[in-house]
C-alpha atoms as a PDB file:
ATOM      1  CA  UNK A   1     116.202  25.536 292.272  1.00  0.00           C
ATOM      2  CA  UNK A   2     119.254  27.035 293.736  1.00  0.00           C
ATOM      3  CA  UNK A   3     119.317  30.871 293.128  1.00  0.00           C
ATOM      4  CA  UNK A   4     122.750  32.611 293.816  1.00  0.00           C
ATOM      5  CA  UNK A   5     122.656  35.151 296.434  1.00  0.00           C
ATOM      6  CA  UNK A   6     123.287  38.708 295.548  1.00  0.00           C
ATOM      7  CA  UNK A   7     124.285  41.577 297.376  1.00  0.00           C
ATOM      8  CA  UNK A   8     124.198  45.363 295.744  1.00  0.00           C
ATOM      9  CA  UNK A   9     125.363  48.510 297.351  1.00  0.00           C
ATOM     10  CA  UNK A  10     123.385  51.533 296.354  1.00  0.00           C
ATOM     11  CA  UNK A  11     125.790  54.749 297.147  1.00  0.00           C
ATOM     12  CA  UNK A  12     122.873  57.252 296.312  1.00  0.00           C
ATOM     13  CA  UNK A  13     124.554  60.671 296.412  1.00  0.00           C
ATOM     14  CA  UNK A  14     127.610  59.727 297.993  1.00  0.00           C
ATOM     15  CA  UNK A  15     131.378  59.569 297.249  1.00  0.00           C
ATOM     16  CA  UNK A  16     133.514  61.322 294.348  1.00  0.00           C
ATOM     17  CA  UNK A  17     135.389  59.348 291.826  1.00  0.00           C
ATOM     18  CA  UNK A  18     138.465  59.826 294.434  1.00  0.00           C
ATOM     19  CA  UNK A  19     136.408  58.391 297.037  1.00  0.00           C
ATOM     20  CA  UNK A  20     135.433  55.691 295.275  1.00  0.00           C
ATOM     21  CA  UNK A  21     138.872  54.802 294.229  1.00  0.00           C
ATOM     22  CA  UNK A  22     139.731  54.611 297.988  1.00  0.00           C
ATOM     23  CA  UNK A  23     136.684  52.420 298.654  1.00  0.00           C
ATOM     24  CA  UNK A  24     138.120  50.124 295.994  1.00  0.00           C
ATOM     25  CA  UNK A  25     141.542  50.017 297.177  1.00  0.00           C
ATOM     26  CA  UNK A  26     140.052  49.049 300.633  1.00  0.00           C
ATOM     27  CA  UNK A  27     137.817  46.248 299.359  1.00  0.00           C
ATOM     28  CA  UNK A  28     140.747  44.657 297.672  1.00  0.00           C
ATOM     29  CA  UNK A  29     142.165  43.945 301.108  1.00  0.00           C
ATOM     30  CA  UNK A  30     139.223  42.339 302.557  1.00  0.00           C
ATOM     31  CA  UNK A  31     139.991  38.797 302.039  1.00  0.00           C
ATOM     32  CA  UNK A  32     136.467  37.989 303.669  1.00  0.00           C
ATOM     33  CA  UNK A  33     134.988  39.770 300.435  1.00  0.00           C
ATOM     34  CA  UNK A  34     136.928  37.422 297.873  1.00  0.00           C
ATOM     35  CA  UNK A  35     136.046  34.319 299.917  1.00  0.00           C
ATOM     36  CA  UNK A  36     132.390  35.232 300.016  1.00  0.00           C
ATOM     37  CA  UNK A  37     132.423  35.953 296.051  1.00  0.00           C
ATOM     38  CA  UNK A  38     132.706  32.194 295.705  1.00  0.00           C
ATOM     39  CA  UNK A  39     128.857  31.711 296.504  1.00  0.00           C
ATOM     40  CA  UNK A  40     127.498  35.349 296.427  1.00  0.00           C
ATOM     41  CA  UNK A  41     127.521  37.747 293.478  1.00  0.00           C
ATOM     42  CA  UNK A  42     128.794  41.428 294.532  1.00  0.00           C
ATOM     43  CA  UNK A  43     127.795  44.882 292.773  1.00  0.00           C
ATOM     44  CA  UNK A  44     128.078  48.292 293.563  1.00  0.00           C
ATOM     45  CA  UNK A  45     126.015  50.988 292.378  1.00  0.00           C
ATOM     46  CA  UNK A  46     128.082  54.587 292.468  1.00  0.00           C
ATOM     47  CA  UNK A  47     126.690  57.989 291.241  1.00  0.00           C
ATOM     48  CA  UNK A  48     127.654  58.057 287.486  1.00  0.00           C
ATOM     49  CA  UNK A  49     130.414  60.243 287.725  1.00  0.00           C
ATOM     50  CA  UNK A  50     132.144  57.471 289.948  1.00  0.00           C
ATOM     51  CA  UNK A  51     131.121  54.313 287.417  1.00  0.00           C
ATOM     52  CA  UNK A  52     134.406  54.920 284.992  1.00  0.00           C
ATOM     53  CA  UNK A  53     136.737  54.831 288.220  1.00  0.00           C
ATOM     54  CA  UNK A  54     135.215  52.218 289.861  1.00  0.00           C
ATOM     55  CA  UNK A  55     134.743  50.221 287.019  1.00  0.00           C
ATOM     56  CA  UNK A  56     138.713  50.153 286.620  1.00  0.00           C
ATOM     57  CA  UNK A  57     139.512  50.010 290.350  1.00  0.00           C
ATOM     58  CA  UNK A  58     137.230  47.324 291.764  1.00  0.00           C
ATOM     59  CA  UNK A  59     138.316  43.492 292.264  1.00  0.00           C
ATOM     60  CA  UNK A  60     137.093  41.549 289.363  1.00  0.00           C
ATOM     61  CA  UNK A  61     134.548  39.676 291.390  1.00  0.00           C
ATOM     62  CA  UNK A  62     132.760  42.938 291.943  1.00  0.00           C
ATOM     63  CA  UNK A  63     130.481  44.386 289.369  1.00  0.00           C
ATOM     64  CA  UNK A  64     129.304  47.885 288.708  1.00  0.00           C
ATOM     65  CA  UNK A  65     125.822  49.135 288.546  1.00  0.00           C
ATOM     66  CA  UNK A  66     124.049  52.401 287.994  1.00  0.00           C
ATOM     67  CA  UNK A  67     121.374  53.920 290.272  1.00  0.00           C
ATOM     68  CA  UNK A  68     119.133  54.913 286.933  1.00  0.00           C
ATOM     69  CA  UNK A  69     118.920  54.876 283.463  1.00  0.00           C
ATOM     70  CA  UNK A  70     116.407  56.718 281.259  1.00  0.00           C
ATOM     71  CA  UNK A  71     114.226  54.780 278.552  1.00  0.00           C
ATOM     72  CA  UNK A  72     114.828  56.820 275.612  1.00  0.00           C
ATOM     73  CA  UNK A  73     117.923  55.915 273.399  1.00  0.00           C
ATOM     74  CA  UNK A  74     119.314  59.150 272.812  1.00  0.00           C
ATOM     75  CA  UNK A  75     117.794  62.781 272.213  1.00  0.00           C
ATOM     76  CA  UNK A  76     117.364  66.162 273.740  1.00  0.00           C
ATOM     77  CA  UNK A  77     116.949  64.813 277.284  1.00  0.00           C
ATOM     78  CA  UNK A  78     119.277  67.360 279.610  1.00  0.00           C
ATOM     79  CA  UNK A  79     120.863  65.481 282.582  1.00  0.00           C
ATOM     80  CA  UNK A  80     119.659  61.971 281.559  1.00  0.00           C
ATOM     81  CA  UNK A  81     121.899  58.980 280.687  1.00  0.00           C
ATOM     82  CA  UNK A  82     121.195  56.561 278.310  1.00  0.00           C
ATOM     83  CA  UNK A  83     121.465  52.441 278.698  1.00  0.00           C
ATOM     84  CA  UNK A  84     123.997  52.398 275.852  1.00  0.00           C
ATOM     85  CA  UNK A  85     126.056  55.040 277.825  1.00  0.00           C
ATOM     86  CA  UNK A  86     126.153  52.788 281.046  1.00  0.00           C
ATOM     87  CA  UNK A  87     126.762  49.649 279.161  1.00  0.00           C
ATOM     88  CA  UNK A  88     129.931  51.455 277.371  1.00  0.00           C
ATOM     89  CA  UNK A  89     131.202  52.261 280.771  1.00  0.00           C
ATOM     90  CA  UNK A  90     131.168  48.719 282.163  1.00  0.00           C
ATOM     91  CA  UNK A  91     128.040  48.770 283.894  1.00  0.00           C
ATOM     92  CA  UNK A  92     126.350  45.207 284.723  1.00  0.00           C
ATOM     93  CA  UNK A  93     123.243  46.377 286.937  1.00  0.00           C
ATOM     94  CA  UNK A  94     120.926  49.050 286.660  1.00  0.00           C
ATOM     95  CA  UNK A  95     118.574  50.081 289.222  1.00  0.00           C
ATOM     96  CA  UNK A  96     115.044  51.315 288.214  1.00  0.00           C
ATOM     97  CA  UNK A  97     112.144  52.441 290.208  1.00  0.00           C
ATOM     98  CA  UNK A  98     113.935  52.991 293.422  1.00  0.00           C
ATOM     99  CA  UNK A  99     111.241  54.472 295.782  1.00  0.00           C
ATOM    100  CA  UNK A 100     113.381  57.743 295.838  1.00  0.00           C
ATOM    101  CA  UNK A 101     112.907  58.086 292.338  1.00  0.00           C
ATOM    102  CA  UNK A 102     109.290  57.591 292.489  1.00  0.00           C
ATOM    103  CA  UNK A 103     108.649  59.578 295.415  1.00  0.00           C
ATOM    104  CA  UNK A 104     111.348  62.499 295.043  1.00  0.00           C
ATOM    105  CA  UNK A 105     111.273  62.891 291.249  1.00  0.00           C
ATOM    106  CA  UNK A 106     107.740  61.558 290.481  1.00  0.00           C
ATOM    107  CA  UNK A 107     108.562  58.262 288.390  1.00  0.00           C
ATOM    108  CA  UNK A 108     105.567  56.260 287.394  1.00  0.00           C
ATOM    109  CA  UNK A 109     104.872  52.538 287.232  1.00  0.00           C
ATOM    110  CA  UNK A 110     104.906  53.017 283.272  1.00  0.00           C
ATOM    111  CA  UNK A 111     108.264  54.593 283.373  1.00  0.00           C
ATOM    112  CA  UNK A 112     109.650  51.862 285.635  1.00  0.00           C
ATOM    113  CA  UNK A 113     108.586  49.306 283.066  1.00  0.00           C
ATOM    114  CA  UNK A 114     109.970  51.493 279.995  1.00  0.00           C
ATOM    115  CA  UNK A 115     113.507  51.330 281.944  1.00  0.00           C
ATOM    116  CA  UNK A 116     113.556  47.778 282.645  1.00  0.00           C
ATOM    117  CA  UNK A 117     113.014  47.070 278.943  1.00  0.00           C
ATOM    118  CA  UNK A 118     115.656  49.383 277.940  1.00  0.00           C
ATOM    119  CA  UNK A 119     118.331  48.177 280.209  1.00  0.00           C
ATOM    120  CA  UNK A 120     117.588  44.539 279.088  1.00  0.00           C
ATOM    121  CA  UNK A 121     117.802  45.513 275.488  1.00  0.00           C
ATOM    122  CA  UNK A 122     121.423  46.819 276.173  1.00  0.00           C
ATOM    123  CA  UNK A 123     122.523  43.756 278.164  1.00  0.00           C
ATOM    124  CA  UNK A 124     122.212  45.469 281.514  1.00  0.00           C
ATOM    125  CA  UNK A 125     120.501  43.418 284.388  1.00  0.00           C
ATOM    126  CA  UNK A 126     117.632  45.491 285.658  1.00  0.00           C
ATOM    127  CA  UNK A 127     117.104  45.773 289.526  1.00  0.00           C
ATOM    128  CA  UNK A 128     113.651  46.497 289.999  1.00  0.00           C
ATOM    129  CA  UNK A 129     112.323  47.879 292.999  1.00  0.00           C
ATOM    130  CA  UNK A 130     109.139  47.988 294.585  1.00  0.00           C
ATOM    131  CA  UNK A 131     107.683  48.661 297.905  1.00  0.00           C
ATOM    132  CA  UNK A 132     104.650  50.388 299.882  1.00  0.00           C
ATOM    133  CA  UNK A 133     105.202  53.531 301.716  1.00  0.00           C
ATOM    134  CA  UNK A 134     103.744  54.050 305.611  1.00  0.00           C
ATOM    135  CA  UNK A 135     100.417  54.972 304.944  1.00  0.00           C
ATOM    136  CA  UNK A 136     100.064  52.245 302.452  1.00  0.00           C
ATOM    137  CA  UNK A 137     101.461  49.825 304.922  1.00  0.00           C
ATOM    138  CA  UNK A 138      99.031  51.036 307.753  1.00  0.00           C
ATOM    139  CA  UNK A 139      95.965  50.787 305.555  1.00  0.00           C
ATOM    140  CA  UNK A 140      97.200  47.041 305.089  1.00  0.00           C
ATOM    141  CA  UNK A 141      97.315  47.999 301.174  1.00  0.00           C
ATOM    142  CA  UNK A 142     101.218  46.265 300.648  1.00  0.00           C
ATOM    143  CA  UNK A 143     100.439  43.354 298.793  1.00  0.00           C
ATOM    144  CA  UNK A 144      98.016  45.466 296.472  1.00  0.00           C
ATOM    145  CA  UNK A 145     100.637  47.796 295.768  1.00  0.00           C
ATOM    146  CA  UNK A 146     103.627  45.595 295.466  1.00  0.00           C
ATOM    147  CA  UNK A 147     101.647  43.633 293.041  1.00  0.00           C
ATOM    148  CA  UNK A 148     100.844  46.517 290.834  1.00  0.00           C
ATOM    149  CA  UNK A 149     104.075  47.528 290.740  1.00  0.00           C
ATOM    150  CA  UNK A 150     105.767  44.331 289.961  1.00  0.00           C
ATOM    151  CA  UNK A 151     102.996  43.983 286.771  1.00  0.00           C
ATOM    152  CA  UNK A 152     103.965  46.909 285.211  1.00  0.00           C
ATOM    153  CA  UNK A 153     107.710  46.658 285.724  1.00  0.00           C
ATOM    154  CA  UNK A 154     107.749  43.291 284.137  1.00  0.00           C
ATOM    155  CA  UNK A 155     105.005  43.982 281.375  1.00  0.00           C
ATOM    156  CA  UNK A 156     107.296  44.651 278.529  1.00  0.00           C
ATOM    157  CA  UNK A 157     109.800  42.028 279.431  1.00  0.00           C
ATOM    158  CA  UNK A 158     109.558  38.199 278.046  1.00  0.00           C
ATOM    159  CA  UNK A 159     109.510  35.235 280.706  1.00  0.00           C
ATOM    160  CA  UNK A 160     113.095  34.538 279.923  1.00  0.00           C
ATOM    161  CA  UNK A 161     113.909  38.152 280.531  1.00  0.00           C
ATOM    162  CA  UNK A 162     112.370  38.421 283.979  1.00  0.00           C
ATOM    163  CA  UNK A 163     114.043  35.042 285.136  1.00  0.00           C
ATOM    164  CA  UNK A 164     117.370  36.901 284.320  1.00  0.00           C
ATOM    165  CA  UNK A 165     116.023  40.169 286.034  1.00  0.00           C
ATOM    166  CA  UNK A 166     116.573  41.258 289.689  1.00  0.00           C
ATOM    167  CA  UNK A 167     113.616  42.556 291.856  1.00  0.00           C
ATOM    168  CA  UNK A 168     113.973  44.496 295.149  1.00  0.00           C
ATOM    169  CA  UNK A 169     111.614  44.806 297.647  1.00  0.00           C
ATOM    170  CA  UNK A 170     112.136  47.929 299.350  1.00  0.00           C
ATOM    171  CA  UNK A 171     109.264  49.342 301.981  1.00  0.00           C
ATOM    172  CA  UNK A 172     109.716  52.874 301.707  1.00  0.00           C
ATOM    173  CA  UNK A 173     109.139  53.263 305.458  1.00  0.00           C
ATOM    174  CA  UNK A 174     112.189  51.289 306.141  1.00  0.00           C
ATOM    175  CA  UNK A 175     114.440  53.021 303.836  1.00  0.00           C
ATOM    176  CA  UNK A 176     117.022  55.040 305.936  1.00  0.00           C
ATOM    177  CA  UNK A 177     115.121  54.950 309.031  1.00  0.00           C
ATOM    178  CA  UNK A 178     116.640  52.030 311.229  1.00  0.00           C
ATOM    179  CA  UNK A 179     113.425  50.676 310.794  1.00  0.00           C
ATOM    180  CA  UNK A 180     112.932  46.991 309.341  1.00  0.00           C
ATOM    181  CA  UNK A 181     110.122  44.703 308.806  1.00  0.00           C
ATOM    182  CA  UNK A 182     110.815  41.152 310.557  1.00  0.00           C
ATOM    183  CA  UNK A 183     112.687  39.154 308.209  1.00  0.00           C
ATOM    184  CA  UNK A 184     109.266  36.839 308.332  1.00  0.00           C
ATOM    185  CA  UNK A 185     107.466  39.626 307.146  1.00  0.00           C
ATOM    186  CA  UNK A 186     109.377  40.632 304.268  1.00  0.00           C
ATOM    187  CA  UNK A 187     109.541  36.864 303.293  1.00  0.00           C
ATOM    188  CA  UNK A 188     105.836  37.094 303.047  1.00  0.00           C
ATOM    189  CA  UNK A 189     105.878  39.940 300.696  1.00  0.00           C
ATOM    190  CA  UNK A 190     108.559  38.518 298.878  1.00  0.00           C
ATOM    191  CA  UNK A 191     106.730  35.075 298.453  1.00  0.00           C
ATOM    192  CA  UNK A 192     103.771  37.050 297.314  1.00  0.00           C
ATOM    193  CA  UNK A 193     105.995  39.250 294.474  1.00  0.00           C
ATOM    194  CA  UNK A 194     107.140  35.661 293.104  1.00  0.00           C
ATOM    195  CA  UNK A 195     103.406  34.767 292.910  1.00  0.00           C
ATOM    196  CA  UNK A 196     102.786  37.393 290.996  1.00  0.00           C
ATOM    197  CA  UNK A 197     105.471  37.098 288.656  1.00  0.00           C
ATOM    198  CA  UNK A 198     104.282  33.237 288.308  1.00  0.00           C
ATOM    199  CA  UNK A 199     100.882  34.498 287.338  1.00  0.00           C
ATOM    200  CA  UNK A 200     102.088  37.136 285.102  1.00  0.00           C
ATOM    201  CA  UNK A 201     105.136  35.078 283.353  1.00  0.00           C
ATOM    202  CA  UNK A 202     105.267  31.409 284.343  1.00  0.00           C
ATOM    203  CA  UNK A 203     106.517  29.088 287.166  1.00  0.00           C
ATOM    204  CA  UNK A 204     109.879  29.117 285.760  1.00  0.00           C
ATOM    205  CA  UNK A 205     110.629  32.717 285.574  1.00  0.00           C
ATOM    206  CA  UNK A 206     109.266  33.176 289.298  1.00  0.00           C
ATOM    207  CA  UNK A 207     111.568  30.251 290.138  1.00  0.00           C
ATOM    208  CA  UNK A 208     114.594  31.780 288.619  1.00  0.00           C
ATOM    209  CA  UNK A 209     114.249  35.394 289.238  1.00  0.00           C
ATOM    210  CA  UNK A 210     116.246  37.045 292.006  1.00  0.00           C
ATOM    211  CA  UNK A 211     114.504  38.710 294.776  1.00  0.00           C
ATOM    212  CA  UNK A 212     116.059  41.345 297.175  1.00  0.00           C
ATOM    213  CA  UNK A 213     115.062  42.665 300.381  1.00  0.00           C
ATOM    214  CA  UNK A 214     116.247  46.238 300.814  1.00  0.00           C
ATOM    215  CA  UNK A 215     115.592  48.860 303.657  1.00  0.00           C
ATOM    216  CA  UNK A 216     118.040  49.713 306.688  1.00  0.00           C
ATOM    217  CA  UNK A 217     120.212  46.258 305.955  1.00  0.00           C
ATOM    218  CA  UNK A 218     123.499  46.132 307.867  1.00  0.00           C
ATOM    219  CA  UNK A 219     125.935  43.322 308.668  1.00  0.00           C
ATOM    220  CA  UNK A 220     124.184  42.661 311.737  1.00  0.00           C
ATOM    221  CA  UNK A 221     120.450  41.892 310.273  1.00  0.00           C
ATOM    222  CA  UNK A 222     121.535  40.659 306.539  1.00  0.00           C
ATOM    223  CA  UNK A 223     121.951  36.791 307.521  1.00  0.00           C
ATOM    224  CA  UNK A 224     118.506  36.992 308.958  1.00  0.00           C
ATOM    225  CA  UNK A 225     116.817  38.034 305.715  1.00  0.00           C
ATOM    226  CA  UNK A 226     119.109  35.995 303.765  1.00  0.00           C
ATOM    227  CA  UNK A 227     118.101  32.843 305.322  1.00  0.00           C
ATOM    228  CA  UNK A 228     114.641  33.364 303.855  1.00  0.00           C
ATOM    229  CA  UNK A 229     113.545  30.887 301.594  1.00  0.00           C
ATOM    230  CA  UNK A 230     112.467  33.668 299.117  1.00  0.00           C
ATOM    231  CA  UNK A 231     114.812  36.312 299.858  1.00  0.00           C
ATOM    232  CA  UNK A 232     118.380  36.047 297.503  1.00  0.00           C
ATOM    233  CA  UNK A 233     120.374  38.811 298.790  1.00  0.00           C
ATOM    234  CA  UNK A 234     119.858  42.495 299.458  1.00  0.00           C
ATOM    235  CA  UNK A 235     120.280  45.710 297.983  1.00  0.00           C
ATOM    236  CA  UNK A 236     121.848  47.973 300.746  1.00  0.00           C
ATOM    237  CA  UNK A 237     122.310  51.925 301.118  1.00  0.00           C
ATOM    238  CA  UNK A 238     124.269  53.262 303.780  1.00  0.00           C
ATOM    239  CA  UNK A 239     125.979  50.214 305.244  1.00  0.00           C
ATOM    240  CA  UNK A 240     127.470  49.542 301.613  1.00  0.00           C
ATOM    241  CA  UNK A 241     129.672  53.009 301.671  1.00  0.00           C
ATOM    242  CA  UNK A 242     132.366  51.595 303.757  1.00  0.00           C
ATOM    243  CA  UNK A 243     134.577  48.516 302.390  1.00  0.00           C
ATOM    244  CA  UNK A 244     134.684  46.794 305.509  1.00  0.00           C
ATOM    245  CA  UNK A 245     130.803  46.885 306.417  1.00  0.00           C
ATOM    246  CA  UNK A 246     130.618  45.781 302.686  1.00  0.00           C
ATOM    247  CA  UNK A 247     133.010  42.643 303.070  1.00  0.00           C
ATOM    248  CA  UNK A 248     130.976  41.656 306.154  1.00  0.00           C
ATOM    249  CA  UNK A 249     127.942  41.885 304.772  1.00  0.00           C
ATOM    250  CA  UNK A 250     129.123  39.646 301.909  1.00  0.00           C
ATOM    251  CA  UNK A 251     130.654  37.207 304.381  1.00  0.00           C
ATOM    252  CA  UNK A 252     127.212  37.364 306.605  1.00  0.00           C
ATOM    253  CA  UNK A 253     125.331  36.491 303.318  1.00  0.00           C
ATOM    254  CA  UNK A 254     127.457  33.526 302.370  1.00  0.00           C
ATOM    255  CA  UNK A 255     127.006  32.048 305.733  1.00  0.00           C
ATOM    256  CA  UNK A 256     129.995  32.831 306.839  1.00  0.00           C
ATOM    257  CA  UNK A 257     130.859  34.771 310.527  1.00  0.00           C
END
């Protein structure tokens, strides 16, 4: 089956609300992005403080996502944001289990699974991140680590919910390093993720779920990743911070120049 390509920008801890509005204004002038949106879904995940501003200012063909979500509905959880709060602010996608959340803030596989469940409950599309660190890669544990993370993340979801979700393979060693695996290597890992999903949730879910690559993606290499049969787009960090760069990646992913 044909899966629609998807480009998601993850701004991490960059951009104020004012800077987010400037990005949106710039993107509105990029005709290539609008043309690409005919065949590629586009989304940006700003810091929480810029979500409302971006939702109001972005062109209608670009969705807004969140970089994180907490798995409880409400309560005494200082500093956390619930799925209901995100949905109420126009959020469509919610990143769960990003490697920086796992490594810097101690998120566990179990917590990531809970976050995916609560995101779906509130109508958000979870973007489930999985990926190995350099030590695990050097020990030839990539397949094992990614399979474990994937199984835990989708355990509480139905086959239909998994089919409508997004998975992002982000090798930790590639994020922000300028190093990337060869597209064929990323394809092999993502093909493995799809096989795990087929084993856990059935072949229909595995064929439908969109799986992205992330890690030092930029306009110059995104097309090579997107050309792989199992890679459905990209989750992009630094290269998504400028409207012109984001638009160029959208164009490249759509097959344009």
